[in-house]
Amino acid sequence: MALLVLRLVIAGAVLYALYQIYHIVLNGMAIGKMRRIAAERGDMSGLPHFQVAFPDWPSDKLRTVYTRIQDTIALDDFPLFPDDKLIDLGLYEKDVLEMTEELIQSYGGQKNLPAEPLQTARDVVNYIGKATPSEGTSNGTL
């Protein structure tokens, strides 16, 4: 009986180790993909792309939102573009929602807005624009 329990414990430990290795490999592949994208984009900054995509946004507010999204990404100084898919950058829905709620609160925006699918960085900026006071933007969206 004790031998059976020991075998089950060992089997469980091996399965857990394989599960951890699987996630390490997936994360490594995602970081590798992001590094390739960053290398293709060179030394350019993504902020000018956001300024073109959201010309009616106040520059300080747009820079703050851009920086906050960029800081959430695992790869430092990744040149984030508006149409980058968040899931490809290692950002999951829970993390994105927490980040957007934090930004909306910091700008005194509405709470409990209807949930929207936030798949790209553009979606995040548009969502924050809808939830916060306009400060000169036409409607907060593109």
N, C-alpha and C. Protein backbone atom coordinates (compact mmCIF):
# COMPACT_ATOMS: atom_id res chain seq x y z
N MET A 1 0.82 -1.19 0.00
CA MET A 1 0.00 0.00 0.00
C MET A 1 0.87 1.27 0.00
N ALA A 2 1.88 1.27 0.85
CA ALA A 2 2.77 2.42 0.92
C ALA A 2 3.53 2.60 -0.40
N LEU A 3 3.86 1.49 -1.04
CA LEU A 3 4.56 1.55 -2.32
C LEU A 3 3.67 2.18 -3.39
N LEU A 4 2.38 1.86 -3.37
CA LEU A 4 1.44 2.42 -4.32
C LEU A 4 1.31 3.93 -4.13
N VAL A 5 1.23 4.37 -2.88
CA VAL A 5 1.13 5.80 -2.58
C VAL A 5 2.40 6.50 -3.03
N LEU A 6 3.55 5.90 -2.79
CA LEU A 6 4.82 6.48 -3.21
C LEU A 6 4.88 6.62 -4.73
N ARG A 7 4.42 5.61 -5.44
CA ARG A 7 4.41 5.67 -6.90
C ARG A 7 3.48 6.77 -7.40
N LEU A 8 2.32 6.92 -6.76
CA LEU A 8 1.39 7.98 -7.15
C LEU A 8 1.98 9.36 -6.90
N VAL A 9 2.68 9.52 -5.79
CA VAL A 9 3.32 10.79 -5.48
C VAL A 9 4.40 11.11 -6.50
N ILE A 10 5.19 10.12 -6.85
CA ILE A 10 6.25 10.31 -7.84
C ILE A 10 5.64 10.64 -9.20
N ALA A 11 4.58 9.93 -9.58
CA ALA A 11 3.92 10.18 -10.85
C ALA A 11 3.35 11.61 -10.88
N GLY A 12 2.76 12.03 -9.78
CA GLY A 12 2.23 13.39 -9.70
C GLY A 12 3.33 14.43 -9.83
N ALA A 13 4.46 14.19 -9.17
CA ALA A 13 5.59 15.12 -9.25
C ALA A 13 6.14 15.20 -10.67
N VAL A 14 6.21 14.07 -11.34
CA VAL A 14 6.70 14.04 -12.72
C VAL A 14 5.73 14.80 -13.64
N LEU A 15 4.43 14.58 -13.47
CA LEU A 15 3.45 15.30 -14.28
C LEU A 15 3.51 16.80 -14.03
N TYR A 16 3.66 17.20 -12.79
CA TYR A 16 3.76 18.61 -12.46
C TYR A 16 5.02 19.21 -13.09
N ALA A 17 6.13 18.49 -13.03
CA ALA A 17 7.37 18.97 -13.63
C ALA A 17 7.21 19.12 -15.15
N LEU A 18 6.55 18.16 -15.79
CA LEU A 18 6.32 18.26 -17.23
C LEU A 18 5.42 19.45 -17.56
N TYR A 19 4.44 19.70 -16.74
CA TYR A 19 3.55 20.84 -16.92
C TYR A 19 4.34 22.15 -16.82
N GLN A 20 5.22 22.24 -15.85
CA GLN A 20 6.04 23.44 -15.69
C GLN A 20 6.99 23.63 -16.87
N ILE A 21 7.60 22.55 -17.33
CA ILE A 21 8.50 22.62 -18.48
C ILE A 21 7.74 23.07 -19.72
N TYR A 22 6.53 22.57 -19.90
CA TYR A 22 5.69 22.96 -21.03
C TYR A 22 5.47 24.47 -21.03
N HIS A 23 5.14 25.04 -19.87
CA HIS A 23 4.90 26.47 -19.80
C HIS A 23 6.18 27.29 -19.96
N ILE A 24 7.28 26.77 -19.49
CA ILE A 24 8.56 27.46 -19.70
C ILE A 24 8.88 27.52 -21.19
N VAL A 25 8.66 26.42 -21.89
CA VAL A 25 8.92 26.37 -23.33
C VAL A 25 7.99 27.34 -24.07
N LEU A 26 6.69 27.34 -23.70
CA LEU A 26 5.75 28.26 -24.34
C LEU A 26 6.14 29.72 -24.12
N ASN A 27 6.51 30.06 -22.89
CA ASN A 27 6.93 31.43 -22.60
C ASN A 27 8.19 31.79 -23.36
N GLY A 28 9.12 30.86 -23.45
CA GLY A 28 10.34 31.10 -24.21
C GLY A 28 10.06 31.34 -25.68
N MET A 29 9.12 30.59 -26.23
CA MET A 29 8.74 30.78 -27.64
C MET A 29 8.08 32.14 -27.84
N ALA A 30 7.23 32.54 -26.90
CA ALA A 30 6.56 33.84 -27.01
C ALA A 30 7.57 34.98 -26.92
N ILE A 31 8.51 34.89 -26.00
CA ILE A 31 9.55 35.93 -25.87
C ILE A 31 10.40 35.97 -27.13
N GLY A 32 10.72 34.79 -27.68
CA GLY A 32 11.49 34.74 -28.93
C GLY A 32 10.75 35.42 -30.08
N LYS A 33 9.44 35.18 -30.16
CA LYS A 33 8.63 35.81 -31.21
C LYS A 33 8.63 37.33 -31.03
N MET A 34 8.49 37.78 -29.80
CA MET A 34 8.49 39.21 -29.54
C MET A 34 9.84 39.83 -29.86
N ARG A 35 10.92 39.13 -29.58
CA ARG A 35 12.25 39.65 -29.91
C ARG A 35 12.43 39.77 -31.42
N ARG A 36 11.89 38.79 -32.17
CA ARG A 36 11.97 38.87 -33.64
C ARG A 36 11.19 40.07 -34.15
N ILE A 37 9.99 40.28 -33.60
CA ILE A 37 9.18 41.43 -34.01
C ILE A 37 9.91 42.73 -33.69
N ALA A 38 10.48 42.80 -32.48
CA ALA A 38 11.21 44.01 -32.08
C ALA A 38 12.41 44.24 -32.99
N ALA A 39 13.10 43.16 -33.37
CA ALA A 39 14.26 43.30 -34.26
C ALA A 39 13.82 43.79 -35.64
N GLU A 40 12.67 43.31 -36.12
CA GLU A 40 12.16 43.76 -37.42
C GLU A 40 11.79 45.25 -37.39
N ARG A 41 11.31 45.70 -36.25
CA ARG A 41 10.90 47.10 -36.12
C ARG A 41 12.10 48.01 -35.84
N GLY A 42 13.22 47.42 -35.51
CA GLY A 42 14.44 48.20 -35.29
C GLY A 42 14.35 49.07 -34.05
N ASP A 43 14.95 50.23 -34.12
CA ASP A 43 15.00 51.14 -32.99
C ASP A 43 13.80 52.09 -32.93
N MET A 44 12.83 51.87 -33.79
CA MET A 44 11.69 52.80 -33.81
C MET A 44 10.85 52.68 -32.55
N SER A 45 10.20 53.74 -32.23
CA SER A 45 9.27 53.77 -31.11
C SER A 45 7.87 53.57 -31.64
N GLY A 46 7.03 52.95 -30.86
CA GLY A 46 5.65 52.76 -31.27
C GLY A 46 4.78 53.96 -30.96
N LEU A 47 5.25 54.86 -30.09
CA LEU A 47 4.44 56.00 -29.69
C LEU A 47 4.00 56.87 -30.88
N PRO A 48 4.87 57.17 -31.85
CA PRO A 48 4.39 57.96 -33.00
C PRO A 48 3.24 57.28 -33.76
N HIS A 49 3.22 55.95 -33.77
CA HIS A 49 2.12 55.24 -34.42
C HIS A 49 0.82 55.46 -33.66
N PHE A 50 0.91 55.53 -32.35
CA PHE A 50 -0.27 55.82 -31.54
C PHE A 50 -0.72 57.27 -31.74
N GLN A 51 0.24 58.18 -31.87
CA GLN A 51 -0.11 59.59 -32.08
C GLN A 51 -0.80 59.79 -33.42
N VAL A 52 -0.41 59.01 -34.42
CA VAL A 52 -1.07 59.08 -35.73
C VAL A 52 -2.45 58.43 -35.64
N ALA A 53 -2.55 57.31 -34.94
CA ALA A 53 -3.82 56.60 -34.84
C ALA A 53 -4.85 57.34 -33.98
N PHE A 54 -4.38 58.13 -33.02
CA PHE A 54 -5.27 58.84 -32.11
C PHE A 54 -4.90 60.34 -32.07
N PRO A 55 -5.09 61.05 -33.16
CA PRO A 55 -4.64 62.44 -33.22
C PRO A 55 -5.40 63.38 -32.29
N ASP A 56 -6.62 63.01 -31.89
CA ASP A 56 -7.42 63.89 -31.03
C ASP A 56 -7.14 63.70 -29.55
N TRP A 57 -6.34 62.72 -29.22
CA TRP A 57 -6.03 62.46 -27.81
C TRP A 57 -5.00 63.45 -27.30
N PRO A 58 -5.12 63.90 -26.05
CA PRO A 58 -4.06 64.74 -25.46
C PRO A 58 -2.77 63.92 -25.39
N SER A 59 -1.66 64.52 -25.76
CA SER A 59 -0.41 63.78 -25.87
C SER A 59 0.04 63.18 -24.53
N ASP A 60 -0.17 63.90 -23.43
CA ASP A 60 0.24 63.36 -22.13
C ASP A 60 -0.57 62.12 -21.77
N LYS A 61 -1.86 62.16 -22.02
CA LYS A 61 -2.72 61.03 -21.70
C LYS A 61 -2.37 59.83 -22.58
N LEU A 62 -2.16 60.08 -23.86
CA LEU A 62 -1.82 59.00 -24.78
C LEU A 62 -0.47 58.39 -24.42
N ARG A 63 0.49 59.22 -24.06
CA ARG A 63 1.81 58.72 -23.66
C ARG A 63 1.70 57.85 -22.39
N THR A 64 0.86 58.27 -21.46
CA THR A 64 0.68 57.50 -20.23
C THR A 64 0.06 56.14 -20.52
N VAL A 65 -0.96 56.12 -21.34
CA VAL A 65 -1.61 54.85 -21.69
C VAL A 65 -0.64 53.95 -22.44
N TYR A 66 0.08 54.53 -23.41
CA TYR A 66 1.07 53.75 -24.17
C TYR A 66 2.12 53.17 -23.25
N THR A 67 2.66 53.98 -22.36
CA THR A 67 3.71 53.54 -21.45
C THR A 67 3.20 52.45 -20.52
N ARG A 68 1.96 52.59 -20.06
CA ARG A 68 1.39 51.60 -19.14
C ARG A 68 1.22 50.26 -19.84
N ILE A 69 0.74 50.27 -21.07
CA ILE A 69 0.60 49.02 -21.83
C ILE A 69 1.98 48.42 -22.08
N GLN A 70 2.93 49.26 -22.49
CA GLN A 70 4.28 48.78 -22.78
C GLN A 70 4.95 48.20 -21.54
N ASP A 71 4.73 48.81 -20.38
CA ASP A 71 5.32 48.31 -19.14
C ASP A 71 4.76 46.96 -18.74
N THR A 72 3.56 46.65 -19.18
CA THR A 72 2.92 45.39 -18.85
C THR A 72 3.49 44.24 -19.68
N ILE A 73 4.06 44.57 -20.82
CA ILE A 73 4.64 43.55 -21.72
C ILE A 73 5.93 43.02 -21.11
N ALA A 74 6.17 41.73 -21.30
CA ALA A 74 7.32 41.07 -20.69
C ALA A 74 8.66 41.57 -21.23
N LEU A 75 8.70 41.98 -22.48
CA LEU A 75 9.95 42.41 -23.11
C LEU A 75 10.11 43.92 -22.95
N ASP A 76 11.21 44.33 -22.33
CA ASP A 76 11.45 45.75 -22.08
C ASP A 76 11.60 46.52 -23.39
N ASP A 77 11.05 47.74 -23.41
CA ASP A 77 11.15 48.66 -24.55
C ASP A 77 10.67 48.05 -25.86
N PHE A 78 9.64 47.23 -25.80
CA PHE A 78 9.07 46.65 -27.02
C PHE A 78 8.34 47.75 -27.78
N PRO A 79 8.62 47.91 -29.08
CA PRO A 79 7.95 48.96 -29.87
C PRO A 79 6.50 48.56 -30.17
N LEU A 80 5.62 48.92 -29.28
CA LEU A 80 4.20 48.56 -29.36
C LEU A 80 3.50 49.38 -30.43
N PHE A 81 2.73 48.73 -31.27
CA PHE A 81 1.93 49.38 -32.30
C PHE A 81 0.46 49.22 -31.96
N PRO A 82 -0.40 50.10 -32.45
CA PRO A 82 -1.83 50.03 -32.09
C PRO A 82 -2.50 48.71 -32.44
N ASP A 83 -2.11 48.08 -33.52
CA ASP A 83 -2.79 46.86 -33.93
C ASP A 83 -2.12 45.58 -33.46
N ASP A 84 -1.16 45.69 -32.54
CA ASP A 84 -0.55 44.50 -31.97
C ASP A 84 -1.57 43.76 -31.12
N LYS A 85 -1.65 42.46 -31.32
CA LYS A 85 -2.57 41.64 -30.52
C LYS A 85 -1.97 41.42 -29.14
N LEU A 86 -2.75 41.69 -28.13
CA LEU A 86 -2.27 41.62 -26.75
C LEU A 86 -1.90 40.21 -26.35
N ILE A 87 -2.63 39.23 -26.80
CA ILE A 87 -2.34 37.84 -26.44
C ILE A 87 -0.98 37.42 -26.99
N ASP A 88 -0.61 37.96 -28.17
CA ASP A 88 0.70 37.65 -28.75
C ASP A 88 1.84 38.28 -27.95
N LEU A 89 1.51 39.30 -27.16
CA LEU A 89 2.51 39.99 -26.35
C LEU A 89 2.56 39.44 -24.93
N GLY A 90 1.82 38.37 -24.69
CA GLY A 90 1.83 37.75 -23.37
C GLY A 90 0.89 38.40 -22.37
N LEU A 91 -0.03 39.23 -22.86
CA LEU A 91 -1.00 39.87 -21.97
C LEU A 91 -2.32 39.11 -22.04
N TYR A 92 -2.79 38.72 -20.90
CA TYR A 92 -4.03 37.96 -20.84
C TYR A 92 -5.16 38.85 -20.37
N GLU A 93 -6.38 38.45 -20.66
CA GLU A 93 -7.55 39.28 -20.42
C GLU A 93 -7.62 39.83 -19.00
N LYS A 94 -7.33 39.00 -18.03
CA LYS A 94 -7.39 39.45 -16.63
C LYS A 94 -6.41 40.60 -16.39
N ASP A 95 -5.19 40.46 -16.88
CA ASP A 95 -4.17 41.50 -16.71
C ASP A 95 -4.56 42.79 -17.43
N VAL A 96 -5.11 42.64 -18.62
CA VAL A 96 -5.51 43.82 -19.41
C VAL A 96 -6.65 44.55 -18.72
N LEU A 97 -7.62 43.80 -18.21
CA LEU A 97 -8.75 44.44 -17.52
C LEU A 97 -8.30 45.16 -16.26
N GLU A 98 -7.39 44.56 -15.51
CA GLU A 98 -6.87 45.24 -14.31
C GLU A 98 -6.16 46.53 -14.69
N MET A 99 -5.35 46.47 -15.75
CA MET A 99 -4.61 47.64 -16.19
C MET A 99 -5.56 48.74 -16.65
N THR A 100 -6.58 48.38 -17.43
CA THR A 100 -7.51 49.40 -17.93
C THR A 100 -8.32 50.01 -16.79
N GLU A 101 -8.75 49.20 -15.85
CA GLU A 101 -9.50 49.73 -14.71
C GLU A 101 -8.64 50.71 -13.92
N GLU A 102 -7.38 50.37 -13.74
CA GLU A 102 -6.45 51.25 -13.02
C GLU A 102 -6.29 52.59 -13.75
N LEU A 103 -6.13 52.53 -15.07
CA LEU A 103 -5.98 53.76 -15.85
C LEU A 103 -7.27 54.58 -15.85
N ILE A 104 -8.40 53.92 -15.97
CA ILE A 104 -9.68 54.62 -15.98
C ILE A 104 -9.89 55.33 -14.64
N GLN A 105 -9.58 54.67 -13.55
CA GLN A 105 -9.72 55.28 -12.23
C GLN A 105 -8.77 56.46 -12.07
N SER A 106 -7.55 56.34 -12.59
CA SER A 106 -6.59 57.44 -12.45
C SER A 106 -7.03 58.69 -13.22
N TYR A 107 -7.85 58.52 -14.26
CA TYR A 107 -8.36 59.65 -15.02
C TYR A 107 -9.78 60.03 -14.62
N GLY A 108 -10.28 59.45 -13.54
CA GLY A 108 -11.61 59.80 -13.04
C GLY A 108 -12.72 59.36 -13.97
N GLY A 109 -12.54 58.23 -14.61
CA GLY A 109 -13.53 57.75 -15.57
C GLY A 109 -14.66 56.97 -14.94
N GLN A 110 -15.55 56.52 -15.79
CA GLN A 110 -16.72 55.76 -15.37
C GLN A 110 -16.31 54.38 -14.89
N LYS A 111 -17.01 53.92 -13.88
CA LYS A 111 -16.80 52.56 -13.41
C LYS A 111 -17.91 51.68 -13.98
N ASN A 112 -17.66 50.41 -14.04
CA ASN A 112 -18.65 49.42 -14.47
C ASN A 112 -19.16 49.66 -15.88
N LEU A 113 -18.26 50.01 -16.78
CA LEU A 113 -18.62 50.11 -18.19
C LEU A 113 -18.91 48.71 -18.72
N PRO A 114 -19.77 48.58 -19.71
CA PRO A 114 -19.98 47.26 -20.30
C PRO A 114 -18.66 46.70 -20.83
N ALA A 115 -18.42 45.45 -20.56
CA ALA A 115 -17.18 44.81 -20.99
C ALA A 115 -17.13 44.73 -22.51
N GLU A 116 -15.96 44.97 -23.05
CA GLU A 116 -15.72 44.86 -24.48
C GLU A 116 -14.53 43.95 -24.68
N PRO A 117 -14.49 43.24 -25.80
CA PRO A 117 -13.30 42.43 -26.06
C PRO A 117 -12.10 43.34 -26.35
N LEU A 118 -11.08 43.22 -25.56
CA LEU A 118 -9.87 44.03 -25.73
C LEU A 118 -8.79 43.13 -26.31
N GLN A 119 -8.72 43.09 -27.63
CA GLN A 119 -7.79 42.19 -28.29
C GLN A 119 -6.51 42.87 -28.76
N THR A 120 -6.59 44.16 -29.04
CA THR A 120 -5.42 44.89 -29.53
C THR A 120 -5.17 46.10 -28.63
N ALA A 121 -4.01 46.70 -28.80
CA ALA A 121 -3.69 47.92 -28.05
C ALA A 121 -4.66 49.03 -28.45
N ARG A 122 -5.08 49.06 -29.69
CA ARG A 122 -6.07 50.04 -30.15
C ARG A 122 -7.38 49.89 -29.37
N ASP A 123 -7.80 48.65 -29.14
CA ASP A 123 -9.02 48.40 -28.37
C ASP A 123 -8.91 48.95 -26.96
N VAL A 124 -7.74 48.80 -26.35
CA VAL A 124 -7.52 49.30 -24.99
C VAL A 124 -7.63 50.82 -24.97
N VAL A 125 -6.99 51.49 -25.92
CA VAL A 125 -7.03 52.95 -25.97
C VAL A 125 -8.46 53.43 -26.21
N ASN A 126 -9.17 52.79 -27.13
CA ASN A 126 -10.55 53.17 -27.40
C ASN A 126 -11.44 52.97 -26.17
N TYR A 127 -11.24 51.88 -25.46
CA TYR A 127 -12.03 51.58 -24.26
C TYR A 127 -11.77 52.63 -23.18
N ILE A 128 -10.52 52.97 -22.98
CA ILE A 128 -10.18 54.00 -22.00
C ILE A 128 -10.75 55.34 -22.43
N GLY A 129 -10.72 55.63 -23.73
CA GLY A 129 -11.29 56.87 -24.24
C GLY A 129 -12.79 56.98 -24.00
N LYS A 130 -13.50 55.85 -24.10
CA LYS A 130 -14.95 55.86 -23.84
C LYS A 130 -15.25 56.04 -22.36
N ALA A 131 -14.36 55.56 -21.51
CA ALA A 131 -14.63 55.55 -20.08
C ALA A 131 -14.17 56.80 -19.36
N THR A 132 -13.32 57.59 -19.97
CA THR A 132 -12.74 58.76 -19.28
C THR A 132 -13.23 60.05 -19.90
N PRO A 133 -13.16 61.14 -19.14
CA PRO A 133 -13.54 62.45 -19.70
C PRO A 133 -12.73 62.76 -20.94
N SER A 134 -13.37 63.44 -21.88
CA SER A 134 -12.76 63.62 -23.20
C SER A 134 -11.54 64.52 -23.22
N GLU A 135 -11.49 65.56 -22.43
CA GLU A 135 -10.35 66.49 -22.42
C GLU A 135 -9.94 66.94 -23.80
N GLY A 136 -10.91 67.21 -24.62
CA GLY A 136 -10.59 67.73 -25.96
C GLY A 136 -10.66 66.68 -27.04
N THR A 137 -10.83 65.41 -26.73
CA THR A 137 -10.98 64.41 -27.79
C THR A 137 -12.39 64.48 -28.29
N SER A 138 -12.59 64.12 -29.53
CA SER A 138 -13.93 64.21 -30.09
C SER A 138 -14.87 63.21 -29.44
N ASN A 139 -14.51 61.95 -29.43
CA ASN A 139 -15.35 60.97 -28.75
C ASN A 139 -14.51 59.89 -28.06
N GLY A 140 -13.20 60.01 -28.08
CA GLY A 140 -12.34 59.06 -27.39
C GLY A 140 -11.99 57.83 -28.20
N THR A 141 -12.55 57.70 -29.40
CA THR A 141 -12.28 56.51 -30.19
C THR A 141 -11.78 56.89 -31.57
N LEU A 142 -11.26 55.92 -32.24
CA LEU A 142 -10.77 56.14 -33.60
C LEU A 142 -11.83 55.70 -34.57
